[in-house]
Amino acid sequence: MKPEQDKKEKYNAILNAADSIMQEEGLESLRISKVARKAKVAKGTVYLYFNDKEEIIGNLAIRARKLMLQYFYRYIESEKHPIDKIKGIFLADYYYFKEQQAYHQLITFYEQNTGLKESGELAETGQAISRYINSVVEEAIKSKAIRQDIDSDALTFMFWGMAIGIIQLVETRNQQLKSYLGKSGKEFYDLFVHTTVEGLTN
């Protein structure tokens, strides 16, 4: 095996081990020693590839963001009408949360901890998501599917904040939604999407 290939395989083995721990036990359980045991390498070997736990988390966040972008592609690109594409943004957020909860938690962790350093590929993956969502909003504005006075940059950030907030509400207050509104979490989320889109249209 070539040295470059061996390095790549060890790098992936370590990152995959960290990923497995996060998926199975949660982000708070991530420790260098635990990652080393899972990857079946010495603890010192982990430090040859990653400076610290935070760098491992950053690389996992890159994975999470790349996958999230794929969700956006899946739920948006098949739609023709700009309004349906906007709805696709929220559906992608919802199903990413339901199907990739550990990654969703990781992305939210990075969003909430603004002091965390983002550069290189980590920063680029975040920017790629923002650019893509912004392009959907811009298309809706240009086609006059939504109001012309809307700031596309601001709305891009609002969409993310709103989706995160409602998803947390659905997750933590699911029983109350059923008791007081007679709606499932998904039904309530769909109502949120409908109400939001109605407020954007002419």
Protein backbone atom coordinates (compact mmCIF):
# COMPACT_ATOMS: atom_id res chain seq x y z
CA MET A 1 0.00 0.00 0.00
CA LYS A 2 1.31 3.45 -0.91
CA PRO A 3 2.02 5.82 2.02
CA GLU A 4 -0.52 8.35 0.71
CA GLN A 5 -3.22 5.69 0.51
CA ASP A 6 -2.37 4.41 3.97
CA LYS A 7 -2.65 7.92 5.40
CA LYS A 8 -5.99 8.46 3.70
CA GLU A 9 -7.35 5.16 5.01
CA LYS A 10 -6.27 5.92 8.58
CA TYR A 11 -7.73 9.43 8.34
CA ASN A 12 -11.05 7.99 7.15
CA ALA A 13 -10.98 5.24 9.78
CA ILE A 14 -10.53 7.80 12.56
CA LEU A 15 -13.22 10.10 11.21
CA ASN A 16 -15.61 7.18 10.65
CA ALA A 17 -15.01 6.04 14.22
CA ALA A 18 -15.82 9.52 15.51
CA ASP A 19 -18.90 9.59 13.31
CA SER A 20 -20.11 6.26 14.70
CA ILE A 21 -19.65 7.42 18.29
CA MET A 22 -21.55 10.63 17.59
CA GLN A 23 -24.39 8.75 15.87
CA GLU A 24 -24.67 6.11 18.59
CA GLU A 25 -23.94 8.08 21.76
CA GLY A 26 -24.24 11.77 20.91
CA LEU A 27 -21.76 14.56 20.30
CA GLU A 28 -21.10 15.04 24.02
CA SER A 29 -19.65 11.49 24.19
CA LEU A 30 -16.89 12.22 21.70
CA ARG A 31 -13.44 11.76 23.27
CA ILE A 32 -10.07 11.28 21.59
CA SER A 33 -9.39 8.13 23.61
CA LYS A 34 -12.77 6.67 22.67
CA VAL A 35 -12.23 7.52 18.99
CA ALA A 36 -8.82 5.81 19.07
CA ARG A 37 -10.28 2.63 20.55
CA LYS A 38 -13.11 2.60 18.00
CA ALA A 39 -10.70 3.16 15.12
CA LYS A 40 -8.29 0.55 16.56
CA VAL A 41 -5.33 2.92 16.52
CA ALA A 42 -3.12 4.39 19.21
CA LYS A 43 -4.29 7.64 20.79
CA GLY A 44 -1.14 9.32 19.49
CA THR A 45 -2.04 8.28 15.95
CA VAL A 46 -5.25 10.29 16.16
CA TYR A 47 -3.16 13.39 16.89
CA LEU A 48 -1.12 12.80 13.74
CA TYR A 49 -4.27 13.50 11.72
CA PHE A 50 -6.25 15.88 13.94
CA ASN A 51 -4.94 18.56 16.29
CA ASP A 52 -7.76 18.11 18.80
CA LYS A 53 -11.35 17.00 19.27
CA GLU A 54 -12.62 20.29 17.86
CA GLU A 55 -10.91 19.59 14.54
CA ILE A 56 -12.59 16.18 14.38
CA ILE A 57 -15.95 17.81 15.08
CA GLY A 58 -15.26 20.37 12.35
CA ASN A 59 -14.60 17.61 9.82
CA LEU A 60 -17.80 15.84 10.87
CA ALA A 61 -19.63 19.14 10.38
CA ILE A 62 -18.32 19.22 6.80
CA ARG A 63 -19.89 15.81 6.23
CA ALA A 64 -23.13 16.97 7.83
CA ARG A 65 -23.35 20.10 5.71
CA LYS A 66 -22.55 18.27 2.48
CA LEU A 67 -25.32 15.80 3.20
CA MET A 68 -27.71 18.61 4.08
CA LEU A 69 -27.02 20.24 0.72
CA GLN A 70 -27.92 16.94 -0.95
CA TYR A 71 -31.26 17.03 0.90
CA PHE A 72 -31.91 20.50 -0.47
CA TYR A 73 -31.13 19.30 -4.00
CA ARG A 74 -33.46 16.32 -3.55
CA TYR A 75 -36.45 18.32 -2.32
CA ILE A 76 -36.00 21.40 -4.50
CA GLU A 77 -34.61 20.48 -7.89
CA SER A 78 -37.55 18.28 -8.90
CA GLU A 79 -39.95 21.20 -8.39
CA LYS A 80 -40.78 23.59 -11.22
CA HIS A 81 -42.66 26.43 -9.54
CA PRO A 82 -40.65 28.86 -7.37
CA ILE A 83 -43.17 28.59 -4.53
CA ASP A 84 -42.86 24.81 -4.49
CA LYS A 85 -39.08 25.21 -4.40
CA ILE A 86 -39.39 27.43 -1.33
CA LYS A 87 -41.61 24.80 0.29
CA GLY A 88 -38.89 22.31 -0.62
CA ILE A 89 -36.41 24.25 1.51
CA PHE A 90 -38.53 23.64 4.60
CA LEU A 91 -39.28 20.02 3.70
CA ALA A 92 -35.56 19.35 3.26
CA ASP A 93 -34.91 20.85 6.70
CA TYR A 94 -37.64 18.72 8.26
CA TYR A 95 -36.63 15.40 6.73
CA TYR A 96 -32.95 16.04 7.33
CA PHE A 97 -33.80 16.46 11.00
CA LYS A 98 -35.97 13.35 11.10
CA GLU A 99 -33.53 11.13 9.21
CA GLN A 100 -30.16 12.58 10.25
CA GLN A 101 -30.66 13.74 13.82
CA ALA A 102 -27.02 13.49 14.89
CA TYR A 103 -25.86 15.54 11.91
CA HIS A 104 -28.69 18.02 12.43
CA GLN A 105 -27.62 18.44 16.05
CA LEU A 106 -24.04 18.98 14.93
CA ILE A 107 -25.00 21.67 12.42
CA THR A 108 -27.14 23.41 15.04
CA PHE A 109 -24.22 23.18 17.48
CA TYR A 110 -22.02 25.08 15.05
CA GLU A 111 -24.73 27.66 14.39
CA GLN A 112 -25.27 28.31 18.10
CA ASN A 113 -21.57 28.46 19.05
CA THR A 114 -20.49 31.43 17.01
CA GLY A 115 -17.06 31.47 18.65
CA LEU A 116 -16.09 28.25 16.90
CA LYS A 117 -13.54 28.79 14.18
CA GLU A 118 -14.73 28.19 10.64
CA SER A 119 -12.34 28.31 7.72
CA GLY A 120 -11.41 26.38 4.61
CA GLU A 121 -13.78 23.60 3.59
CA LEU A 122 -15.88 23.98 6.75
CA ALA A 123 -16.66 27.60 5.96
CA GLU A 124 -17.19 26.83 2.27
CA THR A 125 -19.78 24.12 2.95
CA GLY A 126 -21.79 26.53 5.08
CA GLN A 127 -21.55 29.21 2.41
CA ALA A 128 -22.58 26.72 -0.29
CA ILE A 129 -25.84 26.01 1.55
CA SER A 130 -26.53 29.73 1.98
CA ARG A 131 -25.81 30.44 -1.69
CA TYR A 132 -28.11 27.68 -2.84
CA ILE A 133 -31.02 28.77 -0.63
CA ASN A 134 -30.43 32.37 -1.67
CA SER A 135 -30.62 31.36 -5.35
CA VAL A 136 -34.04 29.78 -4.72
CA VAL A 137 -35.27 32.98 -3.04
CA GLU A 138 -33.82 35.15 -5.83
CA GLU A 139 -35.59 33.04 -8.45
CA ALA A 140 -38.90 33.47 -6.60
CA ILE A 141 -38.40 37.25 -6.42
CA LYS A 142 -37.42 37.60 -10.09
CA SER A 143 -40.38 35.53 -11.24
CA LYS A 144 -42.65 37.66 -9.00
CA ALA A 145 -43.84 34.55 -7.19
CA ILE A 146 -43.15 36.35 -3.89
CA ARG A 147 -43.13 40.01 -2.91
CA GLN A 148 -40.58 42.23 -4.64
CA ASP A 149 -39.64 44.16 -1.50
CA ILE A 150 -38.08 41.11 0.14
CA ASP A 151 -34.37 41.12 0.96
CA SER A 152 -33.15 37.73 -0.32
CA ASP A 153 -30.07 37.67 1.93
CA ALA A 154 -32.10 38.40 5.05
CA LEU A 155 -34.78 35.89 4.09
CA THR A 156 -32.16 33.17 3.59
CA PHE A 157 -31.09 33.57 7.23
CA MET A 158 -34.70 33.84 8.39
CA PHE A 159 -35.63 30.56 6.71
CA TRP A 160 -32.91 28.71 8.61
CA GLY A 161 -33.82 30.30 11.94
CA MET A 162 -37.53 29.69 11.50
CA ALA A 163 -37.08 26.06 10.47
CA ILE A 164 -34.77 25.33 13.42
CA GLY A 165 -37.17 26.96 15.87
CA ILE A 166 -40.27 25.16 14.61
CA ILE A 167 -38.47 21.81 14.42
CA GLN A 168 -37.43 22.21 18.07
CA LEU A 169 -41.00 23.12 19.00
CA VAL A 170 -42.38 20.09 17.17
CA GLU A 171 -39.83 17.84 18.84
CA THR A 172 -40.31 19.09 22.40
CA ARG A 173 -44.05 19.89 22.35
CA ASN A 174 -45.37 17.07 20.20
CA GLN A 175 -47.86 15.90 22.83
CA GLN A 176 -49.20 19.42 23.40
CA LEU A 177 -49.73 19.86 19.67
CA LYS A 178 -51.88 16.75 19.63
CA SER A 179 -53.79 17.73 22.77
CA TYR A 180 -54.46 21.40 22.03
CA LEU A 181 -54.41 21.58 18.24
CA GLY A 182 -55.25 18.04 17.26
CA LYS A 183 -52.27 17.97 14.93
CA SER A 184 -49.27 15.72 14.55
CA GLY A 185 -45.82 17.26 14.47
CA LYS A 186 -45.69 16.96 10.69
CA GLU A 187 -49.16 18.49 10.29
CA PHE A 188 -48.14 21.43 12.44
CA TYR A 189 -44.91 21.84 10.48
CA ASP A 190 -46.87 21.80 7.21
CA LEU A 191 -49.14 24.51 8.63
CA PHE A 192 -46.07 26.57 9.49
CA VAL A 193 -44.75 26.20 5.92
CA HIS A 194 -48.12 27.15 4.44
CA THR A 195 -48.46 30.20 6.70
CA THR A 196 -44.90 31.34 5.95
CA VAL A 197 -45.30 31.02 2.19
CA GLU A 198 -48.65 32.85 2.32
CA GLY A 199 -46.90 35.78 3.97
CA LEU A 200 -44.35 35.94 1.13
CA THR A 201 -46.74 35.91 -1.79
CA ASN A 202 -48.16 38.93 -3.53
